Structures are given as structure tokens and as C-alpha cells.
Protein backbone atom coordinates (compact mmCIF):
# COMPACT_ATOMS: atom_id res chain seq x y z
CA UNK A 1 3.42 -7.30 4.36
CA UNK A 2 6.21 -7.74 1.87
CA UNK A 3 8.04 -10.98 2.33
CA UNK A 4 11.66 -11.81 1.60
CA UNK A 5 11.92 -15.88 0.53
CA UNK A 6 -6.08 21.12 -0.79
CA UNK A 7 -9.69 21.69 0.51
CA UNK A 8 -12.68 19.70 1.70
CA UNK A 9 -16.02 19.05 0.05
CA UNK A 10 -19.18 18.73 2.20
CA UNK A 11 -20.68 16.06 -0.05
CA UNK A 12 -17.58 13.91 -0.36
CA UNK A 13 -18.49 11.39 2.32
CA UNK A 14 -21.65 10.89 4.32
CA UNK A 15 -21.23 11.24 8.07
CA UNK A 16 -22.11 8.48 10.47
CA UNK A 17 -21.37 4.87 11.29
CA UNK A 18 -19.62 3.01 8.48
CA UNK A 19 -18.97 -0.33 10.14
CA UNK A 20 -15.93 -1.05 7.97
CA UNK A 21 -13.37 -3.50 9.33
CA UNK A 22 -9.75 -2.68 8.60
CA UNK A 23 -6.90 -5.13 9.31
CA UNK A 24 -3.51 -3.60 10.14
CA UNK A 25 -1.29 -6.07 12.00
CA UNK A 26 -4.50 -6.39 14.03
CA UNK A 27 -8.06 -5.31 13.17
CA UNK A 28 -9.51 -1.80 13.06
CA UNK A 29 -13.03 -0.46 12.93
CA UNK A 30 -13.78 2.84 11.22
CA UNK A 31 -16.69 4.42 13.02
CA UNK A 32 -16.66 8.17 12.32
CA UNK A 33 -14.71 11.04 10.80
CA UNK A 34 -14.41 14.79 11.13
CA UNK A 35 -12.43 16.34 8.31
CA UNK A 36 -11.10 15.44 4.89
CA UNK A 37 -9.09 17.00 2.13
CA UNK A 38 -8.72 15.95 -1.44
CA UNK A 39 -4.99 15.58 -2.14
CA UNK A 40 -5.38 18.52 -4.53
CA UNK A 41 -7.66 16.54 -6.85
CA UNK A 42 -10.84 18.64 -6.90
CA UNK A 43 -12.34 16.99 -9.96
CA UNK A 44 -12.51 13.63 -8.18
CA UNK A 45 -14.49 14.78 -5.16
CA UNK A 46 -17.84 13.21 -6.02
CA UNK A 47 -18.49 9.72 -4.70
CA UNK A 48 -20.46 7.18 -6.76
CA UNK A 49 -24.09 6.67 -5.80
CA UNK A 50 -23.39 3.04 -4.93
CA UNK A 51 -20.65 3.26 -2.32
CA UNK A 52 -20.48 -0.53 -2.11
CA UNK A 53 -19.03 -0.92 -5.59
CA UNK A 54 -15.35 -1.71 -6.06
CA UNK A 55 -13.53 0.90 -8.18
CA UNK A 56 -12.01 -0.33 -11.43
CA UNK A 57 -8.33 -0.23 -10.51
CA UNK A 58 -8.90 -1.83 -7.12
CA UNK A 59 -10.91 -4.59 -8.82
CA UNK A 60 -8.15 -5.18 -11.36
CA UNK A 61 -5.47 -5.34 -8.66
CA UNK A 62 -7.49 -7.78 -6.56
CA UNK A 63 -8.09 -10.08 -9.53
CA UNK A 64 -4.52 -9.85 -10.85
CA UNK A 65 -2.94 -10.59 -7.47
CA UNK A 66 -5.33 -13.45 -6.83
CA UNK A 67 -4.78 -15.09 -10.21
CA UNK A 68 -1.02 -14.74 -10.07
CA UNK A 69 -0.90 -16.20 -6.58
CA UNK A 70 -2.88 -19.18 -7.86
CA UNK A 71 -0.40 -19.63 -10.72
CA UNK A 72 2.48 -19.51 -8.23
CA UNK A 73 1.27 -22.77 -6.73
CA UNK A 74 2.11 -24.82 -9.84
CA UNK A 75 5.61 -26.03 -10.82
CA UNK A 76 8.10 -25.29 -12.25
CA UNK A 77 7.71 -21.98 -10.36
CA UNK A 78 9.04 -19.76 -13.12
CA UNK A 79 6.99 -16.83 -11.85
CA UNK A 80 9.04 -16.45 -8.70
CA UNK A 81 12.34 -16.99 -10.49
CA UNK A 82 11.74 -14.42 -13.23
CA UNK A 83 9.29 -11.97 -11.64
CA UNK A 84 10.06 -11.73 -7.92
CA UNK A 85 12.60 -9.10 -6.93
CA UNK A 86 16.12 -10.50 -6.74
CA UNK A 87 19.15 -8.52 -5.55
CA UNK A 88 21.19 -7.01 -8.35
CA UNK A 89 24.13 -9.25 -7.48
CA UNK A 90 22.05 -12.34 -6.73
CA UNK A 91 23.72 -15.75 -6.81
CA UNK A 92 20.73 -18.11 -6.75
CA UNK A 93 18.49 -15.97 -8.96
CA UNK A 94 18.83 -13.25 -11.57
CA UNK A 95 17.79 -9.61 -11.41
CA UNK A 96 15.78 -8.23 -14.34
CA UNK A 97 14.58 -4.61 -14.57
CA UNK A 98 10.89 -5.53 -14.79
CA UNK A 99 11.07 -7.18 -11.37
CA UNK A 100 10.90 -3.73 -9.76
CA UNK A 101 7.18 -3.79 -10.67
CA UNK A 102 6.24 -7.45 -11.02
CA UNK A 103 7.35 -8.47 -7.51
CA UNK A 104 4.41 -6.43 -6.21
CA UNK A 105 1.94 -8.84 -7.83
CA UNK A 106 3.38 -12.02 -6.25
CA UNK A 107 2.97 -13.27 -2.68
CA UNK A 108 4.53 -15.79 -0.37
CA UNK A 109 1.52 -17.38 1.33
CA UNK A 110 -2.27 -17.34 1.54
CA UNK A 111 -2.15 -15.11 4.62
CA UNK A 112 0.23 -12.76 2.84
CA UNK A 113 -1.98 -12.18 -0.19
CA UNK A 114 -5.23 -12.08 1.83
CA UNK A 115 -3.86 -9.50 4.28
CA UNK A 116 -2.51 -7.25 1.53
CA UNK A 117 -5.66 -7.44 -0.57
CA UNK A 118 -7.87 -6.69 2.42
CA UNK A 119 -5.74 -3.66 3.22
CA UNK A 120 -5.89 -2.55 -0.41
CA UNK A 121 -9.65 -2.94 -0.53
CA UNK A 122 -10.39 -1.30 2.82
CA UNK A 123 -8.14 1.74 2.42
CA UNK A 124 -7.82 1.98 -1.35
CA UNK A 125 -11.45 2.34 -2.45
CA UNK A 126 -11.90 5.89 -1.21
CA UNK A 127 -8.43 6.90 -2.38
CA UNK A 128 -9.15 5.73 -5.93
CA UNK A 129 -12.46 7.60 -5.88
CA UNK A 130 -10.63 10.67 -4.60
CA UNK A 131 -7.76 10.57 -7.09
CA UNK A 132 -9.44 9.01 -10.08
CA UNK A 133 -8.26 5.75 -11.70
CA UNK A 134 -5.34 7.17 -13.70
CA UNK A 135 -3.72 8.99 -10.83
CA UNK A 136 -4.48 6.16 -8.44
CA UNK A 137 -2.67 3.52 -10.51
CA UNK A 138 0.22 5.97 -11.01
CA UNK A 139 0.39 6.50 -7.26
CA UNK A 140 0.12 2.81 -6.43
CA UNK A 141 2.82 1.72 -8.89
CA UNK A 142 5.08 4.55 -7.75
CA UNK A 143 4.83 3.20 -4.20
CA UNK A 144 5.53 -0.35 -5.41
CA UNK A 145 8.58 0.77 -7.41
CA UNK A 146 9.82 2.98 -4.58
CA UNK A 147 9.53 0.11 -2.11
CA UNK A 148 11.43 -2.13 -4.53
CA UNK A 149 14.25 0.38 -4.91
CA UNK A 150 14.60 0.67 -1.15
CA UNK A 151 14.62 -3.12 -0.85
CA UNK A 152 17.36 -3.39 -3.49
CA UNK A 153 19.43 -0.89 -1.50
CA UNK A 154 18.89 -2.77 1.75
CA UNK A 155 19.77 -6.10 0.12
CA UNK A 156 22.96 -4.54 -1.30
CA UNK A 157 24.00 -3.12 2.08
CA UNK A 158 23.26 -6.41 3.84
CA UNK A 159 24.66 -8.58 1.06
CA UNK A 160 21.29 -10.33 1.01
CA UNK A 161 20.64 -13.18 -1.42
CA UNK A 162 16.89 -13.54 -0.92
CA UNK A 163 14.09 -12.62 -3.30
CA UNK A 164 11.23 -10.32 -2.32
CA UNK A 165 7.53 -10.56 -3.14
CA UNK A 166 4.43 -8.71 -2.01
CA UNK A 167 2.18 -5.73 -2.65
CA UNK A 168 2.91 -4.21 0.75
CA UNK A 169 4.92 -1.27 -0.60
CA UNK A 170 1.87 -0.16 -2.56
CA UNK A 171 -0.47 -0.95 0.34
CA UNK A 172 1.56 1.10 2.83
CA UNK A 173 1.58 3.95 0.33
CA UNK A 174 -2.22 3.71 0.17
CA UNK A 175 -2.36 3.75 3.97
CA UNK A 176 -0.31 6.94 3.96
CA UNK A 177 -2.63 8.56 1.41
CA UNK A 178 -5.64 7.54 3.50
CA UNK A 179 -4.16 9.16 6.59
CA UNK A 180 -3.37 12.35 4.66
CA UNK A 181 -6.77 12.52 2.96
CA UNK A 182 -8.79 11.66 6.06
CA UNK A 183 -6.50 12.64 8.96
CA UNK A 184 -9.28 12.84 11.53
CA UNK A 185 -11.16 9.71 10.48
CA UNK A 186 -11.40 7.66 13.67
CA UNK A 187 -10.26 4.05 13.62
CA UNK A 188 -10.39 1.68 16.55
CA UNK A 189 -7.93 -1.09 17.16
CA UNK A 190 -9.74 -4.24 18.12
CA UNK A 191 -6.55 -5.85 19.47
CA UNK A 192 -6.01 -3.85 21.66
CA UNK A 193 -9.24 -1.76 21.63
CA UNK A 194 -7.68 1.70 21.30
CA UNK A 195 -9.42 4.40 19.19
CA UNK A 196 -7.18 6.78 17.25
CA UNK A 197 -7.27 9.14 14.31
CA UNK A 198 -6.07 7.89 10.95
CA UNK A 199 -3.11 10.28 10.96
CA UNK A 200 -1.86 8.74 14.19
CA UNK A 201 -2.35 5.25 12.79
CA UNK A 202 -0.05 6.15 9.89
CA UNK A 203 2.57 7.52 12.27
CA UNK A 204 2.29 4.43 14.48
CA UNK A 205 2.60 2.11 11.48
CA UNK A 206 5.69 3.97 10.23
CA UNK A 207 7.40 3.97 13.63
CA UNK A 208 6.56 0.29 14.13
CA UNK A 209 8.01 -0.68 10.75
CA UNK A 210 11.15 1.36 11.44
CA UNK A 211 11.57 -0.36 14.80
CA UNK A 212 11.15 -3.81 13.28
CA UNK A 213 13.56 -3.00 10.47
CA UNK A 214 16.29 -1.62 12.72
CA UNK A 215 15.90 -4.25 15.46
CA UNK A 216 15.61 -7.20 13.10
CA UNK A 217 12.71 -8.60 15.13
CA UNK A 218 10.74 -9.50 12.00
CA UNK A 219 13.05 -11.70 9.93
CA UNK A 220 11.72 -12.50 6.50
CA UNK A 221 9.69 -9.27 6.34
CA UNK A 222 10.86 -6.34 4.20
CA UNK A 223 10.10 -3.60 6.71
CA UNK A 224 12.25 -0.99 4.98
CA UNK A 225 10.39 -1.67 1.74
CA UNK A 226 7.15 -0.81 3.54
CA UNK A 227 8.69 2.48 4.61
CA UNK A 228 9.93 3.01 1.06
CA UNK A 229 6.38 2.73 -0.25
CA UNK A 230 5.23 5.35 2.23
CA UNK A 231 8.17 7.64 1.42
CA UNK A 232 7.70 7.57 -2.34
CA UNK A 233 3.95 8.00 -1.95
CA UNK A 234 4.51 11.06 0.22
CA UNK A 235 6.94 12.56 -2.28
CA UNK A 236 4.52 12.04 -5.16
CA UNK A 237 1.65 13.66 -3.26
CA UNK A 238 3.87 16.65 -2.47
CA UNK A 239 4.80 16.88 -6.15
CA UNK A 240 1.13 16.90 -7.17
CA UNK A 241 0.40 19.60 -4.61
CA UNK A 242 2.92 22.00 -6.06
CA UNK A 243 1.21 24.84 -7.92
CA UNK A 244 1.58 24.55 -11.66
CA UNK A 245 3.34 27.32 -13.50
CA UNK A 246 1.23 29.04 -16.14
CA UNK A 247 2.26 28.25 -19.71
């Protein structure tokens, strides 16, 4: 969470039990799937022989977020002052343009960074394989920036004076892409134990975040930023799907 302080390929994925655990406010277990499509990226349909490897961009993001979180623990805490996302009219801090990206590499607690990185690893590996590294990092950063823009708007409307950190905008964008790429992949909630398709998980996550944002029942959590990551990710996918005009 963020904290405020076009066709299928038969060889794309092997059928059967995967035994992958996915945390999403609770824990999920992926146990089967039925249908996939490739987000209009046909040239990235082939999966590496070793499906246990971590794709390059995912590996970089995991390492970068982990190292930066470690650096956040040491005074004088310049990282949060200069690189977390402050409101444009902040009193206690100062807004700088680069914060719209850098806030997504900082976190507020151990649980915060662990949860986000687990989500990124569980859902992001197949999406990076599907898109390829260049498009994946473009997509991820677009979701981070989009979430940041939404958070700036919310802070302006609420006259908020808090800074925001967290990769959740990018992670929720990845979750959206996963649900669109593998809509019928079955996931099971462990708490409570309810099986559902990935597309319904995405809808449930979006509705839940909207409810929390409107009701204010999750103070200190940038719920609208999560929705912003999903929105900008959806818009980018739709842009990529548009047929290209011949030159």
C-alpha cells in the first residue's frame, strides 16, 4: 500500500498446479487458469525455460526498493525530505518535480516494503515476461507517476500537508495488467477461503480501495493513489492496443 506520513498462445504458460502464494490484503493461492491474452505484445509470448528466475526489471526494482528502504533508516533522513512526494503547497516539506517518480521507491515501514515487493514479485514476473523489459518498466513507471498525480490532486483538494511514499501505485497497476492478461486465472483467498477469477479480484480490489478512500476508513493510506495507478495502467494498455497507422 502507499502510505501518507490481443490473442492467446498455447505455449505461453503450462497448465496445472502452480502453488504460488499471492498476498493481497490477505493471502491468495493461484491454482489453475483457463485463458490468457498477451496485451497485444505477440513478440513476448515465449516464457523462459527456467520459470523460477526473476526477470531483470523485477530484480532491479526489488533490489532498489530494498536498498533505499535500508538507507531511510539512517539520519538525517534526507531521502524522505527530498524524494518522498510532498504536496505542491507543502508547509513542512518542499515539492520537487522528481518526487513524482522517486516517492515510489521509498516506504514507510518494514511491512509496507515487504508487502509491496511480494505483490510486485508474485504478479509482476509474468507481466514482465509478457511485455518485455522495456515496455514493462514503461508501464510500471507510468502507473507510479499516475498514482502520484492523483495523490497530488487529492492532497490539494483536502489541503493535506503530509508526504506520500510507496510503490503501491505501480503494484496496483501490475495487478490490473495481471487481471487483464490472465482474466480466468483462478486465485483463492486464504482469509477468507473464497476462490475467484483474477478479473474479479481486480474488480474487488478497485471497489475496496474506492470504498476506503471515500469513507476515510483507512487513514494514512493513499487509496486514491492506488486507483490512480490502476487507471493510468489501463489507459496505457488501451493506447498500446490501438492499431498503428501505416506510415
